[in-house]
Amino acid sequence: QVQLVESGGGLVQPGGSLRLSCAASESDISFNDMGWYRQAPGKGRELVASITVLGRTNYADAVKGRFTISRDRAKNRVLLQMNSLKPEDTAVYYCNRPTNFRSWGQGTQVTVSS
């Protein structure tokens, strides 16, 4: 059974950085687009970053210039480097295939607060 497991979240002060990691199947990591999503309490999930099979990336305006999505095929991981974090970035972060969702993982909590 394919599973998505997110990790790397935590509590960080505004302006700080975190690196999130998504463990996924080799086929999804290597041969599918992958994305990072986030969901704040009472809000819907939003796509914040995506990466295509060939490595082209797209970002939501709210995170552009601050977040970087990448993949590590050797480790079957999709990463999200988050810099210059803002309180508005506080959410549970998930990974998934933008084109054909798999079952959602538990996500990893990111809290940006002083």
PDB file of N, CA and C in Angstrom:
ATOM      1  N   GLN A   1       0.848  -1.184   0.000  1.00  0.00           N
ATOM      2  CA  GLN A   1       0.000   0.000   0.000  1.00  0.00           C
ATOM      3  C   GLN A   1       0.888   1.240   0.000  1.00  0.00           C
ATOM      4  N   VAL A   2       0.616   2.155  -0.894  1.00  0.00           N
ATOM      5  CA  VAL A   2       1.393   3.378  -0.984  1.00  0.00           C
ATOM      6  C   VAL A   2       1.062   4.284   0.190  1.00  0.00           C
ATOM      7  N   GLN A   3       2.092   4.807   0.805  1.00  0.00           N
ATOM      8  CA  GLN A   3       1.919   5.720   1.921  1.00  0.00           C
ATOM      9  C   GLN A   3       2.732   6.985   1.687  1.00  0.00           C
ATOM     10  N   LEU A   4       2.222   8.079   2.194  1.00  0.00           N
ATOM     11  CA  LEU A   4       2.921   9.346   2.182  1.00  0.00           C
ATOM     12  C   LEU A   4       3.183   9.733   3.626  1.00  0.00           C
ATOM     13  N   VAL A   5       4.424   9.988   3.943  1.00  0.00           N
ATOM     14  CA  VAL A   5       4.806  10.295   5.307  1.00  0.00           C
ATOM     15  C   VAL A   5       5.591  11.587   5.323  1.00  0.00           C
ATOM     16  N   GLU A   6       5.018  12.591   5.951  1.00  0.00           N
ATOM     17  CA  GLU A   6       5.641  13.904   6.039  1.00  0.00           C
ATOM     18  C   GLU A   6       6.358  14.061   7.378  1.00  0.00           C
ATOM     19  N   SER A   7       7.451  14.772   7.365  1.00  0.00           N
ATOM     20  CA  SER A   7       8.206  15.013   8.583  1.00  0.00           C
ATOM     21  C   SER A   7       8.970  16.323   8.465  1.00  0.00           C
ATOM     22  N   GLY A   8       9.514  16.770   9.573  1.00  0.00           N
ATOM     23  CA  GLY A   8      10.367  17.941   9.572  1.00  0.00           C
ATOM     24  C   GLY A   8       9.750  19.208  10.118  1.00  0.00           C
ATOM     25  N   GLY A   9       8.474  19.158  10.440  1.00  0.00           N
ATOM     26  CA  GLY A   9       7.826  20.341  10.973  1.00  0.00           C
ATOM     27  C   GLY A   9       8.275  20.637  12.392  1.00  0.00           C
ATOM     28  N   GLY A  10       7.815  21.757  12.894  1.00  0.00           N
ATOM     29  CA  GLY A  10       8.163  22.149  14.236  1.00  0.00           C
ATOM     30  C   GLY A  10       7.795  23.583  14.504  1.00  0.00           C
ATOM     31  N   LEU A  11       8.262  24.071  15.624  1.00  0.00           N
ATOM     32  CA  LEU A  11       8.038  25.453  16.030  1.00  0.00           C
ATOM     33  C   LEU A  11       9.260  26.281  15.673  1.00  0.00           C
ATOM     34  N   VAL A  12       9.026  27.390  15.001  1.00  0.00           N
ATOM     35  CA  VAL A  12      10.119  28.252  14.584  1.00  0.00           C
ATOM     36  C   VAL A  12       9.683  29.706  14.706  1.00  0.00           C
ATOM     37  N   GLN A  13      10.630  30.571  14.982  1.00  0.00           N
ATOM     38  CA  GLN A  13      10.335  31.992  15.066  1.00  0.00           C
ATOM     39  C   GLN A  13      10.216  32.607  13.679  1.00  0.00           C
ATOM     40  N   PRO A  14       9.473  33.701  13.563  1.00  0.00           N
ATOM     41  CA  PRO A  14       9.411  34.391  12.274  1.00  0.00           C
ATOM     42  C   PRO A  14      10.808  34.696  11.750  1.00  0.00           C
ATOM     43  N   GLY A  15      10.983  34.477  10.457  1.00  0.00           N
ATOM     44  CA  GLY A  15      12.283  34.653   9.841  1.00  0.00           C
ATOM     45  C   GLY A  15      13.138  33.410   9.841  1.00  0.00           C
ATOM     46  N   GLY A  16      12.710  32.397  10.559  1.00  0.00           N
ATOM     47  CA  GLY A  16      13.465  31.164  10.636  1.00  0.00           C
ATOM     48  C   GLY A  16      13.226  30.254   9.456  1.00  0.00           C
ATOM     49  N   SER A  17      13.829  29.079   9.516  1.00  0.00           N
ATOM     50  CA  SER A  17      13.770  28.124   8.420  1.00  0.00           C
ATOM     51  C   SER A  17      13.440  26.733   8.921  1.00  0.00           C
ATOM     52  N   LEU A  18      12.810  25.962   8.060  1.00  0.00           N
ATOM     53  CA  LEU A  18      12.556  24.549   8.284  1.00  0.00           C
ATOM     54  C   LEU A  18      12.701  23.815   6.962  1.00  0.00           C
ATOM     55  N   ARG A  19      13.047  22.549   7.041  1.00  0.00           N
ATOM     56  CA  ARG A  19      13.079  21.701   5.865  1.00  0.00           C
ATOM     57  C   ARG A  19      12.151  20.523   6.089  1.00  0.00           C
ATOM     58  N   LEU A  20      11.134  20.417   5.254  1.00  0.00           N
ATOM     59  CA  LEU A  20      10.188  19.325   5.334  1.00  0.00           C
ATOM     60  C   LEU A  20      10.585  18.215   4.373  1.00  0.00           C
ATOM     61  N   SER A  21      10.258  17.002   4.747  1.00  0.00           N
ATOM     62  CA  SER A  21      10.563  15.851   3.927  1.00  0.00           C
ATOM     63  C   SER A  21       9.320  15.001   3.741  1.00  0.00           C
ATOM     64  N   CYS A  22       9.124  14.509   2.543  1.00  0.00           N
ATOM     65  CA  CYS A  22       8.010  13.636   2.204  1.00  0.00           C
ATOM     66  C   CYS A  22       8.562  12.322   1.694  1.00  0.00           C
ATOM     67  N   ALA A  23       8.256  11.250   2.404  1.00  0.00           N
ATOM     68  CA  ALA A  23       8.624   9.921   1.953  1.00  0.00           C
ATOM     69  C   ALA A  23       7.493   9.355   1.109  1.00  0.00           C
ATOM     70  N   ALA A  24       7.802   8.942  -0.091  1.00  0.00           N
ATOM     71  CA  ALA A  24       6.805   8.433  -1.019  1.00  0.00           C
ATOM     72  C   ALA A  24       7.386   7.273  -1.806  1.00  0.00           C
ATOM     73  N   SER A  25       6.582   6.706  -2.692  1.00  0.00           N
ATOM     74  CA  SER A  25       7.049   5.587  -3.495  1.00  0.00           C
ATOM     75  C   SER A  25       8.050   6.059  -4.537  1.00  0.00           C
ATOM     76  N   GLU A  26       8.896   5.143  -4.953  1.00  0.00           N
ATOM     77  CA  GLU A  26       9.878   5.462  -5.984  1.00  0.00           C
ATOM     78  C   GLU A  26       9.199   5.926  -7.264  1.00  0.00           C
ATOM     79  N   SER A  27       8.112   5.260  -7.643  1.00  0.00           N
ATOM     80  CA  SER A  27       7.441   5.619  -8.883  1.00  0.00           C
ATOM     81  C   SER A  27       6.851   7.024  -8.811  1.00  0.00           C
ATOM     82  N   ASP A  28       6.257   7.372  -7.690  1.00  0.00           N
ATOM     83  CA  ASP A  28       5.683   8.705  -7.554  1.00  0.00           C
ATOM     84  C   ASP A  28       6.771   9.771  -7.551  1.00  0.00           C
ATOM     85  N   ILE A  29       7.823   9.521  -6.803  1.00  0.00           N
ATOM     86  CA  ILE A  29       8.900  10.491  -6.718  1.00  0.00           C
ATOM     87  C   ILE A  29       9.557  10.716  -8.073  1.00  0.00           C
ATOM     88  N   SER A  30       9.808   9.641  -8.783  1.00  0.00           N
ATOM     89  CA  SER A  30      10.588   9.719 -10.010  1.00  0.00           C
ATOM     90  C   SER A  30       9.762  10.014 -11.250  1.00  0.00           C
ATOM     91  N   PHE A  31       8.530   9.543 -11.298  1.00  0.00           N
ATOM     92  CA  PHE A  31       7.767   9.565 -12.539  1.00  0.00           C
ATOM     93  C   PHE A  31       6.449  10.307 -12.464  1.00  0.00           C
ATOM     94  N   ASN A  32       6.241  11.065 -11.422  1.00  0.00           N
ATOM     95  CA  ASN A  32       5.045  11.881 -11.302  1.00  0.00           C
ATOM     96  C   ASN A  32       5.395  13.269 -10.809  1.00  0.00           C
ATOM     97  N   ASP A  33       4.539  14.207 -11.145  1.00  0.00           N
ATOM     98  CA  ASP A  33       4.620  15.493 -10.482  1.00  0.00           C
ATOM     99  C   ASP A  33       4.324  15.277  -8.997  1.00  0.00           C
ATOM    100  N   MET A  34       4.945  16.071  -8.159  1.00  0.00           N
ATOM    101  CA  MET A  34       4.676  16.009  -6.732  1.00  0.00           C
ATOM    102  C   MET A  34       4.483  17.421  -6.200  1.00  0.00           C
ATOM    103  N   GLY A  35       3.724  17.522  -5.141  1.00  0.00           N
ATOM    104  CA  GLY A  35       3.455  18.832  -4.583  1.00  0.00           C
ATOM    105  C   GLY A  35       3.392  18.826  -3.078  1.00  0.00           C
ATOM    106  N   TRP A  36       3.592  19.993  -2.528  1.00  0.00           N
ATOM    107  CA  TRP A  36       3.381  20.239  -1.112  1.00  0.00           C
ATOM    108  C   TRP A  36       2.136  21.094  -0.941  1.00  0.00           C
ATOM    109  N   TYR A  37       1.306  20.712   0.005  1.00  0.00           N
ATOM    110  CA  TYR A  37       0.073  21.407   0.327  1.00  0.00           C
ATOM    111  C   TYR A  37       0.105  21.806   1.788  1.00  0.00           C
ATOM    112  N   ARG A  38      -0.722  22.766   2.140  1.00  0.00           N
ATOM    113  CA  ARG A  38      -0.846  23.103   3.546  1.00  0.00           C
ATOM    114  C   ARG A  38      -2.298  23.412   3.874  1.00  0.00           C
ATOM    115  N   GLN A  39      -2.637  23.223   5.125  1.00  0.00           N
ATOM    116  CA  GLN A  39      -3.989  23.457   5.587  1.00  0.00           C
ATOM    117  C   GLN A  39      -3.955  24.022   6.998  1.00  0.00           C
ATOM    118  N   ALA A  40      -4.487  25.207   7.151  1.00  0.00           N
ATOM    119  CA  ALA A  40      -4.640  25.817   8.457  1.00  0.00           C
ATOM    120  C   ALA A  40      -5.976  25.381   9.048  1.00  0.00           C
ATOM    121  N   PRO A  41      -6.122  25.430  10.366  1.00  0.00           N
ATOM    122  CA  PRO A  41      -7.385  25.025  10.990  1.00  0.00           C
ATOM    123  C   PRO A  41      -8.575  25.763  10.401  1.00  0.00           C
ATOM    124  N   GLY A  42      -9.598  25.018  10.017  1.00  0.00           N
ATOM    125  CA  GLY A  42     -10.797  25.611   9.459  1.00  0.00           C
ATOM    126  C   GLY A  42     -10.668  26.056   8.016  1.00  0.00           C
ATOM    127  N   LYS A  43      -9.519  25.809   7.411  1.00  0.00           N
ATOM    128  CA  LYS A  43      -9.291  26.219   6.034  1.00  0.00           C
ATOM    129  C   LYS A  43      -9.101  25.006   5.136  1.00  0.00           C
ATOM    130  N   GLY A  44      -9.255  25.220   3.849  1.00  0.00           N
ATOM    131  CA  GLY A  44      -9.023  24.162   2.900  1.00  0.00           C
ATOM    132  C   GLY A  44      -7.541  23.986   2.594  1.00  0.00           C
ATOM    133  N   ARG A  45      -7.226  22.848   2.024  1.00  0.00           N
ATOM    134  CA  ARG A  45      -5.849  22.628   1.603  1.00  0.00           C
ATOM    135  C   ARG A  45      -5.512  23.500   0.402  1.00  0.00           C
ATOM    136  N   GLU A  46      -4.319  24.040   0.407  1.00  0.00           N
ATOM    137  CA  GLU A  46      -3.852  24.808  -0.732  1.00  0.00           C
ATOM    138  C   GLU A  46      -2.508  24.275  -1.195  1.00  0.00           C
ATOM    139  N   LEU A  47      -2.332  24.262  -2.490  1.00  0.00           N
ATOM    140  CA  LEU A  47      -1.064  23.860  -3.079  1.00  0.00           C
ATOM    141  C   LEU A  47      -0.085  25.011  -2.947  1.00  0.00           C
ATOM    142  N   VAL A  48       1.043  24.751  -2.319  1.00  0.00           N
ATOM    143  CA  VAL A  48       2.028  25.808  -2.124  1.00  0.00           C
ATOM    144  C   VAL A  48       3.234  25.658  -3.039  1.00  0.00           C
ATOM    145  N   ALA A  49       3.531  24.445  -3.466  1.00  0.00           N
ATOM    146  CA  ALA A  49       4.673  24.222  -4.339  1.00  0.00           C
ATOM    147  C   ALA A  49       4.510  22.903  -5.067  1.00  0.00           C
ATOM    148  N   SER A  50       4.981  22.839  -6.291  1.00  0.00           N
ATOM    149  CA  SER A  50       4.936  21.602  -7.050  1.00  0.00           C
ATOM    150  C   SER A  50       6.192  21.468  -7.888  1.00  0.00           C
ATOM    151  N   ILE A  51       6.496  20.234  -8.237  1.00  0.00           N
ATOM    152  CA  ILE A  51       7.653  19.957  -9.071  1.00  0.00           C
ATOM    153  C   ILE A  51       7.277  18.884 -10.072  1.00  0.00           C
ATOM    154  N   THR A  52       7.606  19.101 -11.335  1.00  0.00           N
ATOM    155  CA  THR A  52       7.275  18.143 -12.375  1.00  0.00           C
ATOM    156  C   THR A  52       8.320  17.049 -12.439  1.00  0.00           C
ATOM    157  N   VAL A  53       8.023  16.046 -13.262  1.00  0.00           N
ATOM    158  CA  VAL A  53       8.950  14.940 -13.462  1.00  0.00           C
ATOM    159  C   VAL A  53      10.321  15.453 -13.900  1.00  0.00           C
ATOM    160  N   LEU A  54      10.332  16.477 -14.723  1.00  0.00           N
ATOM    161  CA  LEU A  54      11.577  17.019 -15.238  1.00  0.00           C
ATOM    162  C   LEU A  54      12.180  18.116 -14.369  1.00  0.00           C
ATOM    163  N   GLY A  55      11.565  18.382 -13.238  1.00  0.00           N
ATOM    164  CA  GLY A  55      12.151  19.308 -12.298  1.00  0.00           C
ATOM    165  C   GLY A  55      11.677  20.744 -12.387  1.00  0.00           C
ATOM    166  N   ARG A  56      10.705  21.013 -13.224  1.00  0.00           N
ATOM    167  CA  ARG A  56      10.146  22.358 -13.273  1.00  0.00           C
ATOM    168  C   ARG A  56       9.317  22.600 -12.020  1.00  0.00           C
ATOM    169  N   THR A  57       9.448  23.768 -11.451  1.00  0.00           N
ATOM    170  CA  THR A  57       8.786  24.079 -10.191  1.00  0.00           C
ATOM    171  C   THR A  57       7.813  25.234 -10.336  1.00  0.00           C
ATOM    172  N   ASN A  58       6.802  25.219  -9.493  1.00  0.00           N
ATOM    173  CA  ASN A  58       5.830  26.291  -9.406  1.00  0.00           C
ATOM    174  C   ASN A  58       5.514  26.532  -7.944  1.00  0.00           C
ATOM    175  N   TYR A  59       5.222  27.781  -7.630  1.00  0.00           N
ATOM    176  CA  TYR A  59       4.961  28.157  -6.253  1.00  0.00           C
ATOM    177  C   TYR A  59       3.762  29.073  -6.160  1.00  0.00           C
ATOM    178  N   ALA A  60       3.031  28.927  -5.073  1.00  0.00           N
ATOM    179  CA  ALA A  60       1.991  29.887  -4.777  1.00  0.00           C
ATOM    180  C   ALA A  60       2.625  31.248  -4.522  1.00  0.00           C
ATOM    181  N   ASP A  61       1.911  32.286  -4.889  1.00  0.00           N
ATOM    182  CA  ASP A  61       2.447  33.631  -4.709  1.00  0.00           C
ATOM    183  C   ASP A  61       2.871  33.899  -3.267  1.00  0.00           C
ATOM    184  N   ALA A  62       2.143  33.336  -2.330  1.00  0.00           N
ATOM    185  CA  ALA A  62       2.414  33.601  -0.926  1.00  0.00           C
ATOM    186  C   ALA A  62       3.763  33.077  -0.463  1.00  0.00           C
ATOM    187  N   VAL A  63       4.318  32.096  -1.167  1.00  0.00           N
ATOM    188  CA  VAL A  63       5.573  31.499  -0.735  1.00  0.00           C
ATOM    189  C   VAL A  63       6.695  31.697  -1.733  1.00  0.00           C
ATOM    190  N   LYS A  64       6.410  32.269  -2.865  1.00  0.00           N
ATOM    191  CA  LYS A  64       7.408  32.447  -3.911  1.00  0.00           C
ATOM    192  C   LYS A  64       8.590  33.259  -3.401  1.00  0.00           C
ATOM    193  N   GLY A  65       9.769  32.761  -3.676  1.00  0.00           N
ATOM    194  CA  GLY A  65      10.979  33.424  -3.230  1.00  0.00           C
ATOM    195  C   GLY A  65      11.442  33.004  -1.859  1.00  0.00           C
ATOM    196  N   ARG A  66      10.598  32.275  -1.135  1.00  0.00           N
ATOM    197  CA  ARG A  66      10.943  31.836   0.208  1.00  0.00           C
ATOM    198  C   ARG A  66      11.035  30.319   0.331  1.00  0.00           C
ATOM    199  N   PHE A  67      10.220  29.599  -0.429  1.00  0.00           N
ATOM    200  CA  PHE A  67      10.193  28.137  -0.371  1.00  0.00           C
ATOM    201  C   PHE A  67      10.837  27.555  -1.618  1.00  0.00           C
ATOM    202  N   THR A  68      11.463  26.403  -1.455  1.00  0.00           N
ATOM    203  CA  THR A  68      12.046  25.683  -2.578  1.00  0.00           C
ATOM    204  C   THR A  68      11.681  24.211  -2.487  1.00  0.00           C
ATOM    205  N   ILE A  69      11.044  23.703  -3.526  1.00  0.00           N
ATOM    206  CA  ILE A  69      10.706  22.292  -3.583  1.00  0.00           C
ATOM    207  C   ILE A  69      11.747  21.560  -4.417  1.00  0.00           C
ATOM    208  N   SER A  70      12.085  20.359  -4.005  1.00  0.00           N
ATOM    209  CA  SER A  70      13.044  19.552  -4.739  1.00  0.00           C
ATOM    210  C   SER A  70      12.747  18.083  -4.498  1.00  0.00           C
ATOM    211  N   ARG A  71      13.372  17.221  -5.272  1.00  0.00           N
ATOM    212  CA  ARG A  71      13.220  15.785  -5.071  1.00  0.00           C
ATOM    213  C   ARG A  71      14.577  15.136  -4.952  1.00  0.00           C
ATOM    214  N   ASP A  72      14.621  14.096  -4.161  1.00  0.00           N
ATOM    215  CA  ASP A  72      15.806  13.278  -4.011  1.00  0.00           C
ATOM    216  C   ASP A  72      15.403  11.869  -4.411  1.00  0.00           C
ATOM    217  N   ARG A  73      15.637  11.514  -5.655  1.00  0.00           N
ATOM    218  CA  ARG A  73      15.219  10.215  -6.164  1.00  0.00           C
ATOM    219  C   ARG A  73      15.933   9.070  -5.465  1.00  0.00           C
ATOM    220  N   ALA A  74      17.171   9.284  -5.086  1.00  0.00           N
ATOM    221  CA  ALA A  74      17.933   8.231  -4.431  1.00  0.00           C
ATOM    222  C   ALA A  74      17.312   7.824  -3.104  1.00  0.00           C
ATOM    223  N   LYS A  75      16.698   8.777  -2.429  1.00  0.00           N
ATOM    224  CA  LYS A  75      16.111   8.510  -1.125  1.00  0.00           C
ATOM    225  C   LYS A  75      14.586   8.457  -1.149  1.00  0.00           C
ATOM    226  N   ASN A  76      14.004   8.570  -2.333  1.00  0.00           N
ATOM    227  CA  ASN A  76      12.549   8.584  -2.465  1.00  0.00           C
ATOM    228  C   ASN A  76      11.926   9.657  -1.570  1.00  0.00           C
ATOM    229  N   ARG A  77      12.412  10.867  -1.740  1.00  0.00           N
ATOM    230  CA  ARG A  77      11.944  11.971  -0.918  1.00  0.00           C
ATOM    231  C   ARG A  77      11.639  13.184  -1.777  1.00  0.00           C
ATOM    232  N   VAL A  78      10.625  13.923  -1.370  1.00  0.00           N
ATOM    233  CA  VAL A  78      10.366  15.255  -1.890  1.00  0.00           C
ATOM    234  C   VAL A  78      10.558  16.222  -0.733  1.00  0.00           C
ATOM    235  N   LEU A  79      11.350  17.245  -0.960  1.00  0.00           N
ATOM    236  CA  LEU A  79      11.717  18.160   0.097  1.00  0.00           C
ATOM    237  C   LEU A  79      11.085  19.522  -0.114  1.00  0.00           C
ATOM    238  N   LEU A  80      10.879  20.221   0.970  1.00  0.00           N
ATOM    239  CA  LEU A  80      10.429  21.597   0.912  1.00  0.00           C
ATOM    240  C   LEU A  80      11.277  22.407   1.878  1.00  0.00           C
ATOM    241  N   GLN A  81      12.163  23.199   1.327  1.00  0.00           N
ATOM    242  CA  GLN A  81      12.966  24.102   2.130  1.00  0.00           C
ATOM    243  C   GLN A  81      12.187  25.391   2.308  1.00  0.00           C
ATOM    244  N   MET A  82      11.958  25.773   3.542  1.00  0.00           N
ATOM    245  CA  MET A  82      11.169  26.949   3.854  1.00  0.00           C
ATOM    246  C   MET A  82      12.053  27.950   4.594  1.00  0.00           C
ATOM    247  N   ASN A  83      12.242  29.095   3.996  1.00  0.00           N
ATOM    248  CA  ASN A  83      13.039  30.157   4.585  1.00  0.00           C
ATOM    249  C   ASN A  83      12.176  31.386   4.829  1.00  0.00           C
ATOM    250  N   SER A  84      12.688  32.284   5.637  1.00  0.00           N
ATOM    251  CA  SER A  84      11.991  33.535   5.940  1.00  0.00           C
ATOM    252  C   SER A  84      10.545  33.281   6.328  1.00  0.00           C
ATOM    253  N   LEU A  85      10.355  32.347   7.219  1.00  0.00           N
ATOM    254  CA  LEU A  85       9.005  31.934   7.587  1.00  0.00           C
ATOM    255  C   LEU A  85       8.233  33.050   8.276  1.00  0.00           C
ATOM    256  N   LYS A  86       6.946  33.066   7.996  1.00  0.00           N
ATOM    257  CA  LYS A  86       6.033  34.052   8.537  1.00  0.00           C
ATOM    258  C   LYS A  86       4.945  33.359   9.338  1.00  0.00           C
ATOM    259  N   PRO A  87       4.321  34.063  10.279  1.00  0.00           N
ATOM    260  CA  PRO A  87       3.208  33.456  11.011  1.00  0.00           C
ATOM    261  C   PRO A  87       2.116  32.918  10.095  1.00  0.00           C
ATOM    262  N   GLU A  88       1.914  33.553   8.957  1.00  0.00           N
ATOM    263  CA  GLU A  88       0.907  33.100   8.005  1.00  0.00           C
ATOM    264  C   GLU A  88       1.221  31.740   7.400  1.00  0.00           C
ATOM    265  N   ASP A  89       2.441  31.268   7.557  1.00  0.00           N
ATOM    266  CA  ASP A  89       2.818  29.958   7.059  1.00  0.00           C
ATOM    267  C   ASP A  89       2.406  28.836   8.001  1.00  0.00           C
ATOM    268  N   THR A  90       1.911  29.188   9.168  1.00  0.00           N
ATOM    269  CA  THR A  90       1.495  28.187  10.142  1.00  0.00           C
ATOM    270  C   THR A  90       0.379  27.324   9.573  1.00  0.00           C
ATOM    271  N   ALA A  91       0.595  26.028   9.544  1.00  0.00           N
ATOM    272  CA  ALA A  91      -0.361  25.097   8.964  1.00  0.00           C
ATOM    273  C   ALA A  91       0.183  23.687   9.112  1.00  0.00           C
ATOM    274  N   VAL A  92      -0.661  22.726   8.782  1.00  0.00           N
ATOM    275  CA  VAL A  92      -0.198  21.362   8.612  1.00  0.00           C
ATOM    276  C   VAL A  92       0.175  21.193   7.146  1.00  0.00           C
ATOM    277  N   TYR A  93       1.351  20.683   6.901  1.00  0.00           N
ATOM    278  CA  TYR A  93       1.862  20.534   5.550  1.00  0.00           C
ATOM    279  C   TYR A  93       1.800  19.080   5.108  1.00  0.00           C
ATOM    280  N   TYR A  94       1.314  18.878   3.899  1.00  0.00           N
ATOM    281  CA  TYR A  94       1.147  17.553   3.316  1.00  0.00           C
ATOM    282  C   TYR A  94       1.823  17.486   1.957  1.00  0.00           C
ATOM    283  N   CYS A  95       2.188  16.285   1.550  1.00  0.00           N
ATOM    284  CA  CYS A  95       2.629  16.081   0.181  1.00  0.00           C
ATOM    285  C   CYS A  95       1.643  15.168  -0.532  1.00  0.00           C
ATOM    286  N   ASN A  96       1.606  15.257  -1.848  1.00  0.00           N
ATOM    287  CA  ASN A  96       0.746  14.394  -2.644  1.00  0.00           C
ATOM    288  C   ASN A  96       1.028  14.612  -4.122  1.00  0.00           C
ATOM    289  N   ARG A  97       0.389  13.802  -4.958  1.00  0.00           N
ATOM    290  CA  ARG A  97       0.461  13.949  -6.406  1.00  0.00           C
ATOM    291  C   ARG A  97      -0.621  14.915  -6.843  1.00  0.00           C
ATOM    292  N   PRO A  98      -0.261  16.057  -7.407  1.00  0.00           N
ATOM    293  CA  PRO A  98      -1.289  17.019  -7.816  1.00  0.00           C
ATOM    294  C   PRO A  98      -2.239  16.482  -8.884  1.00  0.00           C
ATOM    295  N   THR A  99      -1.770  15.572  -9.710  1.00  0.00           N
ATOM    296  CA  THR A  99      -2.559  15.090 -10.831  1.00  0.00           C
ATOM    297  C   THR A  99      -3.500  13.952 -10.483  1.00  0.00           C
ATOM    298  N   ASN A 100      -3.224  13.237  -9.436  1.00  0.00           N
ATOM    299  CA  ASN A 100      -4.041  12.088  -9.047  1.00  0.00           C
ATOM    300  C   ASN A 100      -3.749  11.753  -7.590  1.00  0.00           C
ATOM    301  N   PHE A 101      -4.493  12.369  -6.700  1.00  0.00           N
ATOM    302  CA  PHE A 101      -4.221  12.253  -5.271  1.00  0.00           C
ATOM    303  C   PHE A 101      -4.185  10.809  -4.793  1.00  0.00           C
ATOM    304  N   ARG A 102      -3.207  10.523  -3.979  1.00  0.00           N
ATOM    305  CA  ARG A 102      -3.226   9.317  -3.175  1.00  0.00           C
ATOM    306  C   ARG A 102      -3.862   9.654  -1.825  1.00  0.00           C
ATOM    307  N   SER A 103      -4.004   8.636  -0.983  1.00  0.00           N
ATOM    308  CA  SER A 103      -4.512   8.895   0.355  1.00  0.00           C
ATOM    309  C   SER A 103      -3.569   9.861   1.066  1.00  0.00           C
ATOM    310  N   TRP A 104      -4.157  10.820   1.748  1.00  0.00           N
ATOM    311  CA  TRP A 104      -3.361  11.826   2.440  1.00  0.00           C
ATOM    312  C   TRP A 104      -2.671  11.248   3.657  1.00  0.00           C
ATOM    313  N   GLY A 105      -1.454  11.687   3.876  1.00  0.00           N
ATOM    314  CA  GLY A 105      -0.747  11.319   5.079  1.00  0.00           C
ATOM    315  C   GLY A 105      -1.215  12.142   6.257  1.00  0.00           C
ATOM    316  N   GLN A 106      -0.525  11.989   7.373  1.00  0.00           N
ATOM    317  CA  GLN A 106      -0.899  12.737   8.571  1.00  0.00           C
ATOM    318  C   GLN A 106      -0.463  14.196   8.511  1.00  0.00           C
ATOM    319  N   GLY A 107       0.478  14.491   7.643  1.00  0.00           N
ATOM    320  CA  GLY A 107       1.011  15.835   7.560  1.00  0.00           C
ATOM    321  C   GLY A 107       1.997  16.109   8.679  1.00  0.00           C
ATOM    322  N   THR A 108       2.648  17.252   8.583  1.00  0.00           N
ATOM    323  CA  THR A 108       3.565  17.676   9.620  1.00  0.00           C
ATOM    324  C   THR A 108       3.261  19.126   9.977  1.00  0.00           C
ATOM    325  N   GLN A 109       3.179  19.390  11.260  1.00  0.00           N
ATOM    326  CA  GLN A 109       2.773  20.707  11.745  1.00  0.00           C
ATOM    327  C   GLN A 109       3.930  21.690  11.680  1.00  0.00           C
ATOM    328  N   VAL A 110       3.663  22.829  11.087  1.00  0.00           N
ATOM    329  CA  VAL A 110       4.599  23.945  11.081  1.00  0.00           C
ATOM    330  C   VAL A 110       3.954  25.099  11.826  1.00  0.00           C
ATOM    331  N   THR A 111       4.610  25.560  12.858  1.00  0.00           N
ATOM    332  CA  THR A 111       4.110  26.685  13.636  1.00  0.00           C
ATOM    333  C   THR A 111       5.163  27.775  13.657  1.00  0.00           C
ATOM    334  N   VAL A 112       4.792  28.941  13.176  1.00  0.00           N
ATOM    335  CA  VAL A 112       5.698  30.085  13.124  1.00  0.00           C
ATOM    336  C   VAL A 112       5.176  31.123  14.108  1.00  0.00           C
ATOM    337  N   SER A 113       5.906  31.318  15.173  1.00  0.00           N
ATOM    338  CA  SER A 113       5.443  32.198  16.235  1.00  0.00           C
ATOM    339  C   SER A 113       6.612  32.676  17.066  1.00  0.00           C
ATOM    340  N   SER A 114       6.463  33.880  17.609  1.00  0.00           N
ATOM    341  CA  SER A 114       7.451  34.410  18.528  1.00  0.00           C
ATOM    342  C   SER A 114       7.218  33.921  19.945  1.00  0.00           C
TER     343      SER A 114
END
